[in-house]
PDB file of N, CA and C in Angstrom:
ATOM      1  N   MET A   1      80.853  68.726  67.238  1.00  0.00           N
ATOM      2  CA  MET A   1      80.667  68.067  66.038  1.00  0.00           C
ATOM      3  C   MET A   1      79.555  68.381  65.259  1.00  0.00           C
ATOM      4  N   ASN A   2      80.049  68.764  64.008  1.00  0.00           N
ATOM      5  CA  ASN A   2      79.019  68.993  62.638  1.00  0.00           C
ATOM      6  C   ASN A   2      78.112  67.775  61.884  1.00  0.00           C
ATOM      7  N   THR A   3      77.660  67.737  61.121  1.00  0.00           N
ATOM      8  CA  THR A   3      76.578  67.143  60.589  1.00  0.00           C
ATOM      9  C   THR A   3      77.767  66.053  59.718  1.00  0.00           C
ATOM     10  N   ALA A   4      78.628  66.486  58.654  1.00  0.00           N
ATOM     11  CA  ALA A   4      79.457  66.096  57.824  1.00  0.00           C
ATOM     12  C   ALA A   4      80.731  64.974  58.594  1.00  0.00           C
ATOM     13  N   SER A   5      80.754  65.275  59.957  1.00  0.00           N
ATOM     14  CA  SER A   5      81.598  64.559  60.578  1.00  0.00           C
ATOM     15  C   SER A   5      80.947  63.379  61.126  1.00  0.00           C
ATOM     16  N   LEU A   6      79.791  64.076  61.625  1.00  0.00           N
ATOM     17  CA  LEU A   6      78.980  62.572  62.237  1.00  0.00           C
ATOM     18  C   LEU A   6      78.469  61.701  61.061  1.00  0.00           C
ATOM     19  N   LEU A   7      78.390  62.061  59.949  1.00  0.00           N
ATOM     20  CA  LEU A   7      78.098  60.987  59.145  1.00  0.00           C
ATOM     21  C   LEU A   7      79.156  60.336  58.288  1.00  0.00           C
ATOM     22  N   VAL A   8      80.275  60.933  58.400  1.00  0.00           N
ATOM     23  CA  VAL A   8      81.424  60.025  57.939  1.00  0.00           C
ATOM     24  C   VAL A   8      82.039  59.470  59.084  1.00  0.00           C
ATOM     25  N   SER A   9      82.008  59.510  60.226  1.00  0.00           N
ATOM     26  CA  SER A   9      82.126  58.680  61.304  1.00  0.00           C
ATOM     27  C   SER A   9      80.722  57.322  61.139  1.00  0.00           C
ATOM     28  N   MET A  10      80.188  57.747  61.187  1.00  0.00           N
ATOM     29  CA  MET A  10      78.904  56.558  60.943  1.00  0.00           C
ATOM     30  C   MET A  10      79.467  55.847  59.883  1.00  0.00           C
ATOM     31  N   LEU A  11      79.882  56.074  58.617  1.00  0.00           N
ATOM     32  CA  LEU A  11      80.294  55.506  57.425  1.00  0.00           C
ATOM     33  C   LEU A  11      81.239  54.694  57.992  1.00  0.00           C
ATOM     34  N   PHE A  12      82.546  55.289  58.886  1.00  0.00           N
ATOM     35  CA  PHE A  12      83.440  54.457  58.772  1.00  0.00           C
ATOM     36  C   PHE A  12      83.386  53.303  59.973  1.00  0.00           C
ATOM     37  N   GLY A  13      82.394  53.545  60.738  1.00  0.00           N
ATOM     38  CA  GLY A  13      82.188  52.524  61.550  1.00  0.00           C
ATOM     39  C   GLY A  13      81.202  51.608  61.278  1.00  0.00           C
ATOM     40  N   ALA A  14      80.282  51.785  60.351  1.00  0.00           N
ATOM     41  CA  ALA A  14      79.818  50.423  59.733  1.00  0.00           C
ATOM     42  C   ALA A  14      80.574  49.961  58.900  1.00  0.00           C
ATOM     43  N   LEU A  15      81.621  50.554  58.028  1.00  0.00           N
ATOM     44  CA  LEU A  15      82.503  49.740  57.510  1.00  0.00           C
ATOM     45  C   LEU A  15      83.400  48.992  57.969  1.00  0.00           C
ATOM     46  N   GLY A  16      83.986  49.472  59.701  1.00  0.00           N
ATOM     47  CA  GLY A  16      84.887  48.822  60.417  1.00  0.00           C
ATOM     48  C   GLY A  16      84.059  48.000  60.747  1.00  0.00           C
ATOM     49  N   SER A  17      82.994  47.744  61.222  1.00  0.00           N
ATOM     50  CA  SER A  17      81.819  46.430  61.707  1.00  0.00           C
ATOM     51  C   SER A  17      81.829  45.080  60.897  1.00  0.00           C
ATOM     52  N   ALA A  18      81.909  46.015  59.754  1.00  0.00           N
ATOM     53  CA  ALA A  18      81.936  44.881  58.363  1.00  0.00           C
ATOM     54  C   ALA A  18      83.215  44.142  58.321  1.00  0.00           C
ATOM     55  N   TYR A  19      83.956  44.579  58.323  1.00  0.00           N
ATOM     56  CA  TYR A  19      85.588  44.233  58.224  1.00  0.00           C
ATOM     57  C   TYR A  19      85.826  43.530  59.327  1.00  0.00           C
ATOM     58  N   LEU A  20      85.655  43.736  60.942  1.00  0.00           N
ATOM     59  CA  LEU A  20      85.457  43.049  61.794  1.00  0.00           C
ATOM     60  C   LEU A  20      84.511  41.903  61.519  1.00  0.00           C
ATOM     61  N   PHE A  21      83.262  41.680  61.395  1.00  0.00           N
ATOM     62  CA  PHE A  21      82.373  40.633  61.417  1.00  0.00           C
ATOM     63  C   PHE A  21      83.245  39.638  59.934  1.00  0.00           C
ATOM     64  N   TYR A  22      83.862  40.154  59.013  1.00  0.00           N
ATOM     65  CA  TYR A  22      84.418  39.422  58.033  1.00  0.00           C
ATOM     66  C   TYR A  22      85.881  38.768  58.564  1.00  0.00           C
ATOM     67  N   GLY A  23      86.567  39.244  59.494  1.00  0.00           N
ATOM     68  CA  GLY A  23      87.996  38.767  59.838  1.00  0.00           C
ATOM     69  C   GLY A  23      87.764  37.837  60.756  1.00  0.00           C
ATOM     70  N   LYS A  24      86.906  38.244  61.644  1.00  0.00           N
ATOM     71  CA  LYS A  24      86.603  37.102  62.691  1.00  0.00           C
ATOM     72  C   LYS A  24      86.150  35.794  62.083  1.00  0.00           C
ATOM     73  N   LYS A  25      85.031  35.938  60.896  1.00  0.00           N
ATOM     74  CA  LYS A  25      84.535  34.826  60.547  1.00  0.00           C
ATOM     75  C   LYS A  25      85.455  34.038  59.718  1.00  0.00           C
ATOM     76  N   GLN A  26      86.436  34.581  58.788  1.00  0.00           N
ATOM     77  CA  GLN A  26      87.969  34.256  58.341  1.00  0.00           C
ATOM     78  C   GLN A  26      89.026  33.923  58.855  1.00  0.00           C
ATOM     79  N   GLN A  27      88.947  34.221  60.195  1.00  0.00           N
ATOM     80  CA  GLN A  27      90.068  34.112  61.076  1.00  0.00           C
ATOM     81  C   GLN A  27      91.314  34.715  60.593  1.00  0.00           C
ATOM     82  N   GLU A  28      91.201  35.881  60.000  1.00  0.00           N
ATOM     83  CA  GLU A  28      91.995  36.556  59.722  1.00  0.00           C
ATOM     84  C   GLU A  28      92.566  37.743  60.204  1.00  0.00           C
ATOM     85  N   LEU A  29      93.733  38.478  60.415  1.00  0.00           N
ATOM     86  CA  LEU A  29      93.867  39.177  61.840  1.00  0.00           C
ATOM     87  C   LEU A  29      93.941  40.461  61.116  1.00  0.00           C
ATOM     88  N   THR A  30      93.921  40.855  59.622  1.00  0.00           N
ATOM     89  CA  THR A  30      94.491  42.189  59.209  1.00  0.00           C
ATOM     90  C   THR A  30      93.086  42.831  59.040  1.00  0.00           C
ATOM     91  N   PRO A  31      91.909  41.994  58.237  1.00  0.00           N
ATOM     92  CA  PRO A  31      90.684  42.920  58.804  1.00  0.00           C
ATOM     93  C   PRO A  31      90.285  42.824  59.765  1.00  0.00           C
ATOM     94  N   ALA A  32      90.138  42.184  60.749  1.00  0.00           N
ATOM     95  CA  ALA A  32      89.705  42.365  62.152  1.00  0.00           C
ATOM     96  C   ALA A  32      90.337  43.454  62.870  1.00  0.00           C
ATOM     97  N   LEU A  33      91.646  43.680  62.641  1.00  0.00           N
ATOM     98  CA  LEU A  33      92.225  44.955  63.338  1.00  0.00           C
ATOM     99  C   LEU A  33      92.115  45.994  62.499  1.00  0.00           C
ATOM    100  N   ALA A  34      91.767  46.138  61.233  1.00  0.00           N
ATOM    101  CA  ALA A  34      91.277  47.588  60.333  1.00  0.00           C
ATOM    102  C   ALA A  34      90.127  47.717  61.002  1.00  0.00           C
ATOM    103  N   GLY A  35      89.236  46.688  61.059  1.00  0.00           N
ATOM    104  CA  GLY A  35      87.586  46.767  61.524  1.00  0.00           C
ATOM    105  C   GLY A  35      87.645  47.873  62.986  1.00  0.00           C
ATOM    106  N   ILE A  36      88.669  47.332  63.896  1.00  0.00           N
ATOM    107  CA  ILE A  36      88.885  47.822  64.867  1.00  0.00           C
ATOM    108  C   ILE A  36      89.139  49.185  65.236  1.00  0.00           C
ATOM    109  N   GLY A  37      90.132  49.324  64.312  1.00  0.00           N
ATOM    110  CA  GLY A  37      90.708  51.070  63.826  1.00  0.00           C
ATOM    111  C   GLY A  37      89.744  51.544  63.280  1.00  0.00           C
ATOM    112  N   LEU A  38      88.739  51.048  62.144  1.00  0.00           N
ATOM    113  CA  LEU A  38      87.848  51.979  61.917  1.00  0.00           C
ATOM    114  C   LEU A  38      86.856  52.206  62.657  1.00  0.00           C
ATOM    115  N   CYS A  39      86.479  51.570  63.813  1.00  0.00           N
ATOM    116  CA  CYS A  39      85.529  51.848  64.366  1.00  0.00           C
ATOM    117  C   CYS A  39      85.781  52.375  65.682  1.00  0.00           C
ATOM    118  N   ALA A  40      87.080  53.088  66.307  1.00  0.00           N
ATOM    119  CA  ALA A  40      87.837  53.552  67.401  1.00  0.00           C
ATOM    120  C   ALA A  40      88.229  54.756  66.860  1.00  0.00           C
ATOM    121  N   PHE A  41      88.711  54.854  65.933  1.00  0.00           N
ATOM    122  CA  PHE A  41      89.611  56.419  65.414  1.00  0.00           C
ATOM    123  C   PHE A  41      88.563  57.399  65.442  1.00  0.00           C
ATOM    124  N   PRO A  42      86.970  57.393  65.036  1.00  0.00           N
ATOM    125  CA  PRO A  42      86.461  58.710  64.604  1.00  0.00           C
ATOM    126  C   PRO A  42      86.472  59.411  66.326  1.00  0.00           C
ATOM    127  N   TRP A  43      86.569  58.613  67.496  1.00  0.00           N
ATOM    128  CA  TRP A  43      86.297  59.153  68.757  1.00  0.00           C
ATOM    129  C   TRP A  43      87.424  60.002  68.673  1.00  0.00           C
ATOM    130  N   PHE A  44      88.625  59.879  68.539  1.00  0.00           N
ATOM    131  CA  PHE A  44      89.904  60.764  68.931  1.00  0.00           C
ATOM    132  C   PHE A  44      90.391  61.774  67.719  1.00  0.00           C
ATOM    133  N   VAL A  45      89.704  61.881  66.492  1.00  0.00           N
ATOM    134  CA  VAL A  45      89.653  62.559  65.790  1.00  0.00           C
ATOM    135  C   VAL A  45      88.786  63.737  65.292  1.00  0.00           C
ATOM    136  N   THR A  46      88.680  64.465  65.195  1.00  0.00           N
ATOM    137  CA  THR A  46      87.912  65.984  65.077  1.00  0.00           C
ATOM    138  C   THR A  46      87.649  66.320  63.986  1.00  0.00           C
ATOM    139  N   ASN A  47      88.733  66.444  63.022  1.00  0.00           N
ATOM    140  CA  ASN A  47      88.953  67.251  62.194  1.00  0.00           C
ATOM    141  C   ASN A  47      88.384  66.254  60.547  1.00  0.00           C
ATOM    142  N   LEU A  48      87.523  67.046  59.966  1.00  0.00           N
ATOM    143  CA  LEU A  48      86.810  66.071  59.117  1.00  0.00           C
ATOM    144  C   LEU A  48      88.106  65.609  58.093  1.00  0.00           C
ATOM    145  N   TRP A  49      88.685  66.369  57.565  1.00  0.00           N
ATOM    146  CA  TRP A  49      89.723  65.957  56.174  1.00  0.00           C
ATOM    147  C   TRP A  49      90.693  64.831  57.020  1.00  0.00           C
ATOM    148  N   VAL A  50      90.859  65.067  58.036  1.00  0.00           N
ATOM    149  CA  VAL A  50      92.082  63.878  58.692  1.00  0.00           C
ATOM    150  C   VAL A  50      91.057  62.685  58.901  1.00  0.00           C
ATOM    151  N   MET A  51      90.038  62.875  59.335  1.00  0.00           N
ATOM    152  CA  MET A  51      89.349  61.574  59.526  1.00  0.00           C
ATOM    153  C   MET A  51      88.751  61.096  58.218  1.00  0.00           C
ATOM    154  N   ILE A  52      88.633  61.623  57.001  1.00  0.00           N
ATOM    155  CA  ILE A  52      88.608  61.129  56.154  1.00  0.00           C
ATOM    156  C   ILE A  52      89.912  60.408  55.394  1.00  0.00           C
ATOM    157  N   ALA A  53      91.032  60.936  55.452  1.00  0.00           N
ATOM    158  CA  ALA A  53      91.815  60.292  55.129  1.00  0.00           C
ATOM    159  C   ALA A  53      92.564  59.212  55.996  1.00  0.00           C
ATOM    160  N   VAL A  54      92.894  59.217  57.317  1.00  0.00           N
ATOM    161  CA  VAL A  54      92.699  57.979  58.280  1.00  0.00           C
ATOM    162  C   VAL A  54      91.888  56.698  57.657  1.00  0.00           C
ATOM    163  N   GLY A  55      90.486  57.127  57.777  1.00  0.00           N
ATOM    164  CA  GLY A  55      89.515  56.229  57.308  1.00  0.00           C
ATOM    165  C   GLY A  55      89.889  55.470  56.013  1.00  0.00           C
ATOM    166  N   ALA A  56      90.189  56.146  54.910  1.00  0.00           N
ATOM    167  CA  ALA A  56      90.383  55.878  53.845  1.00  0.00           C
ATOM    168  C   ALA A  56      91.740  54.926  53.672  1.00  0.00           C
ATOM    169  N   ALA A  57      92.520  55.444  54.876  1.00  0.00           N
ATOM    170  CA  ALA A  57      94.031  54.356  54.764  1.00  0.00           C
ATOM    171  C   ALA A  57      93.810  53.219  55.518  1.00  0.00           C
ATOM    172  N   LEU A  58      92.995  53.423  56.536  1.00  0.00           N
ATOM    173  CA  LEU A  58      92.729  52.120  57.426  1.00  0.00           C
ATOM    174  C   LEU A  58      91.867  51.219  56.285  1.00  0.00           C
ATOM    175  N   ALA A  59      90.825  51.563  55.889  1.00  0.00           N
ATOM    176  CA  ALA A  59      89.727  51.048  54.840  1.00  0.00           C
ATOM    177  C   ALA A  59      90.711  50.272  53.846  1.00  0.00           C
ATOM    178  N   ALA A  60      91.552  50.706  52.943  1.00  0.00           N
ATOM    179  CA  ALA A  60      92.489  50.296  52.007  1.00  0.00           C
ATOM    180  C   ALA A  60      93.638  49.342  52.457  1.00  0.00           C
ATOM    181  N   ALA A  61      93.933  49.569  53.644  1.00  0.00           N
ATOM    182  CA  ALA A  61      94.922  48.475  54.302  1.00  0.00           C
ATOM    183  C   ALA A  61      94.991  46.959  54.282  1.00  0.00           C
ATOM    184  N   PRO A  62      93.564  46.572  54.501  1.00  0.00           N
ATOM    185  CA  PRO A  62      93.448  44.982  54.348  1.00  0.00           C
ATOM    186  C   PRO A  62      93.548  44.414  52.807  1.00  0.00           C
ATOM    187  N   TRP A  63      93.521  45.610  52.035  1.00  0.00           N
ATOM    188  CA  TRP A  63      93.656  44.971  50.479  1.00  0.00           C
ATOM    189  C   TRP A  63      95.104  45.073  49.856  1.00  0.00           C
ATOM    190  N   PHE A  64      95.764  45.855  50.983  1.00  0.00           N
ATOM    191  CA  PHE A  64      97.766  45.945  50.440  1.00  0.00           C
ATOM    192  C   PHE A  64      98.354  45.141  51.523  1.00  0.00           C
ATOM    193  N   LEU A  65      97.843  44.865  52.409  1.00  0.00           N
ATOM    194  CA  LEU A  65      98.646  43.855  53.555  1.00  0.00           C
ATOM    195  C   LEU A  65      98.190  42.531  53.314  1.00  0.00           C
TER     196      LEU A  65
END
């Protein structure tokens, strides 16, 4: 894993934690599930550009759903 992948995965993990805490506090399922997805997907995706695309989609999902 290179430095860029590590930094991007840390960024999406932090954003996922924020979404998870927000969803739990507001008792809303969509941000909580997006937060779990943002925390978990960097373990399975190794390509940087795919990681950015999937992370951006998961981060935008609560705004559109």
